[in-house]
Amino acid sequence: METQRINSQLVPVLFSETHAELLLKRLDQLFPYTPTQAGTKNATQMLSDCAEKLELAFGKTIPPRPFSQLSMGRFFKSEQSLHSNIPKDFHQEKLRLMRLIRHFVMDAPARSTSHQMECEALAYQYLDTHLTHFGV
């Protein structure tokens, strides 16, 4: 199993096949009615949030506006902020996250720099924390 040292802790690298399979098994145990043990998000919101963060971390989406534009944020809402509270389908969000994990496992040989491995380790930590909040 591949690991990366972050803040003097060894963290699994997300997209080794072993760790990805473990995460996929944990995702299979998650249901729309699974209660959270910490926080206020429901399972669908958590899946959507995790998928969005993975897409952002690995360059699949455009990052948020630069800091200099944040002061105007209250006057001009972005399209994404207007749609953030729209209910989402649990099964679609679950499949989206599972597809992202599988996609990055297949692309793993192309990513071998220490920065990319650190991003993967942080992504694993992020997903692990959120899944743990739902007891899976």
Protein backbone atom coordinates (compact mmCIF):
# COMPACT_ATOMS: atom_id res chain seq x y z
CA MET A 1 0.00 0.00 0.00
CA GLU A 2 1.30 3.41 -0.95
CA THR A 3 1.46 6.10 1.70
CA GLN A 4 2.55 9.73 1.82
CA ARG A 5 3.91 11.60 4.85
CA ILE A 6 1.81 14.67 5.70
CA ASN A 7 2.48 16.64 8.89
CA SER A 8 4.64 13.74 10.11
CA GLN A 9 1.75 11.28 9.63
CA LEU A 10 1.66 8.47 7.11
CA VAL A 11 -1.51 8.83 5.05
CA PRO A 12 -2.70 6.32 2.43
CA VAL A 13 -2.54 7.52 -1.16
CA LEU A 14 -6.11 7.59 -2.44
CA PHE A 15 -5.68 6.12 -5.84
CA SER A 16 -3.72 3.00 -5.17
CA GLU A 17 -6.07 0.17 -6.14
CA THR A 18 -6.17 -1.19 -2.60
CA HIS A 19 -7.24 2.08 -0.98
CA ALA A 20 -9.68 2.90 -3.76
CA GLU A 21 -11.40 -0.48 -3.36
CA LEU A 22 -11.69 0.07 0.40
CA LEU A 23 -13.30 3.47 -0.19
CA LEU A 24 -15.68 2.04 -2.78
CA LYS A 25 -16.76 -0.67 -0.32
CA ARG A 26 -17.38 1.99 2.31
CA LEU A 27 -19.42 4.03 -0.17
CA ASP A 28 -21.55 0.94 -0.86
CA GLN A 29 -22.52 0.94 2.83
CA LEU A 30 -23.86 4.51 2.59
CA PHE A 31 -27.59 5.10 2.06
CA PRO A 32 -29.69 8.28 1.74
CA TYR A 33 -31.06 7.80 5.25
CA THR A 34 -27.67 7.12 6.90
CA PRO A 35 -27.51 9.55 9.85
CA THR A 36 -24.52 11.81 10.35
CA GLN A 37 -22.51 11.47 13.54
CA ALA A 38 -20.95 14.93 13.14
CA GLY A 39 -21.97 18.04 11.27
CA THR A 40 -25.20 19.05 9.59
CA LYS A 41 -24.87 17.68 6.05
CA ASN A 42 -26.96 14.76 4.93
CA ALA A 43 -25.43 11.89 2.94
CA THR A 44 -26.35 13.36 -0.45
CA GLN A 45 -24.79 16.73 0.38
CA MET A 46 -21.64 15.01 1.63
CA LEU A 47 -21.29 12.93 -1.56
CA SER A 48 -21.79 16.00 -3.73
CA ASP A 49 -19.27 18.00 -1.70
CA CYS A 50 -16.65 15.23 -1.87
CA ALA A 51 -17.10 14.82 -5.64
CA GLU A 52 -16.78 18.58 -6.18
CA LYS A 53 -13.59 18.70 -4.10
CA LEU A 54 -12.06 15.80 -6.04
CA GLU A 55 -12.95 17.45 -9.35
CA LEU A 56 -11.35 20.67 -8.17
CA ALA A 57 -8.24 19.01 -6.73
CA PHE A 58 -7.49 17.13 -9.92
CA GLY A 59 -8.28 19.90 -12.39
CA LYS A 60 -11.68 18.73 -13.59
CA THR A 61 -13.40 22.02 -12.67
CA ILE A 62 -12.40 25.68 -12.60
CA PRO A 63 -11.35 26.95 -9.16
CA PRO A 64 -13.35 29.65 -7.37
CA ARG A 65 -12.78 33.35 -8.02
CA PRO A 66 -9.54 34.98 -6.88
CA PHE A 67 -9.47 36.65 -3.46
CA SER A 68 -9.51 40.14 -5.04
CA GLN A 69 -13.00 39.50 -6.39
CA LEU A 70 -14.47 38.21 -3.12
CA SER A 71 -15.35 41.71 -1.89
CA MET A 72 -17.91 42.02 -4.69
CA GLY A 73 -19.36 38.59 -3.91
CA ARG A 74 -22.40 39.85 -2.02
CA PHE A 75 -23.48 41.91 -5.02
CA PHE A 76 -22.88 39.40 -7.78
CA LYS A 77 -23.79 35.77 -7.23
CA SER A 78 -22.12 33.15 -9.37
CA GLU A 79 -24.19 30.53 -11.13
CA GLN A 80 -22.77 27.87 -8.80
CA SER A 81 -23.76 29.74 -5.63
CA LEU A 82 -27.31 30.11 -6.92
CA HIS A 83 -27.63 26.36 -7.40
CA SER A 84 -25.92 25.18 -4.21
CA ASN A 85 -29.17 24.52 -2.33
CA ILE A 86 -30.97 22.63 -5.09
CA PRO A 87 -31.76 19.09 -3.90
CA LYS A 88 -29.62 16.43 -5.54
CA ASP A 89 -30.21 12.77 -6.21
CA PHE A 90 -28.34 10.51 -3.78
CA HIS A 91 -27.73 7.71 -6.28
CA GLN A 92 -26.43 10.06 -8.97
CA GLU A 93 -24.03 11.73 -6.53
CA LYS A 94 -22.85 8.35 -5.25
CA LEU A 95 -22.19 7.11 -8.80
CA ARG A 96 -20.43 10.38 -9.65
CA LEU A 97 -18.03 9.99 -6.72
CA MET A 98 -17.42 6.31 -7.47
CA ARG A 99 -16.69 7.14 -11.13
CA LEU A 100 -14.18 9.80 -10.06
CA ILE A 101 -12.37 7.37 -7.78
CA ARG A 102 -12.22 4.70 -10.51
CA HIS A 103 -11.11 7.26 -13.10
CA PHE A 104 -8.20 8.42 -10.98
CA VAL A 105 -7.11 4.85 -10.24
CA MET A 106 -6.84 4.23 -13.98
CA ASP A 107 -4.86 7.49 -14.44
CA ALA A 108 -2.52 6.80 -11.51
CA PRO A 109 0.60 5.85 -13.55
CA ALA A 110 0.54 9.30 -15.16
CA ARG A 111 0.78 10.98 -11.74
CA SER A 112 4.02 10.26 -9.98
CA THR A 113 5.34 13.58 -8.63
CA SER A 114 5.48 14.15 -4.89
CA HIS A 115 3.02 17.06 -5.19
CA GLN A 116 0.47 14.85 -6.93
CA MET A 117 0.94 12.09 -4.36
CA GLU A 118 0.44 14.64 -1.59
CA CYS A 119 -2.80 15.81 -3.26
CA GLU A 120 -3.96 12.20 -3.41
CA ALA A 121 -3.12 11.64 0.25
CA LEU A 122 -5.07 14.77 1.23
CA ALA A 123 -8.00 13.64 -0.92
CA TYR A 124 -7.96 10.27 0.83
CA GLN A 125 -7.94 11.99 4.22
CA TYR A 126 -10.85 14.23 3.16
CA LEU A 127 -12.97 11.31 1.95
CA ASP A 128 -12.07 9.17 4.95
CA THR A 129 -13.10 11.92 7.37
CA HIS A 130 -16.44 12.47 5.66
CA LEU A 131 -17.25 8.77 5.44
CA THR A 132 -16.32 8.35 9.10
CA HIS A 133 -18.84 11.09 9.97
CA PHE A 134 -21.50 8.76 8.57
CA GLY A 135 -20.20 5.68 10.36
CA VAL A 136 -18.98 3.87 7.24
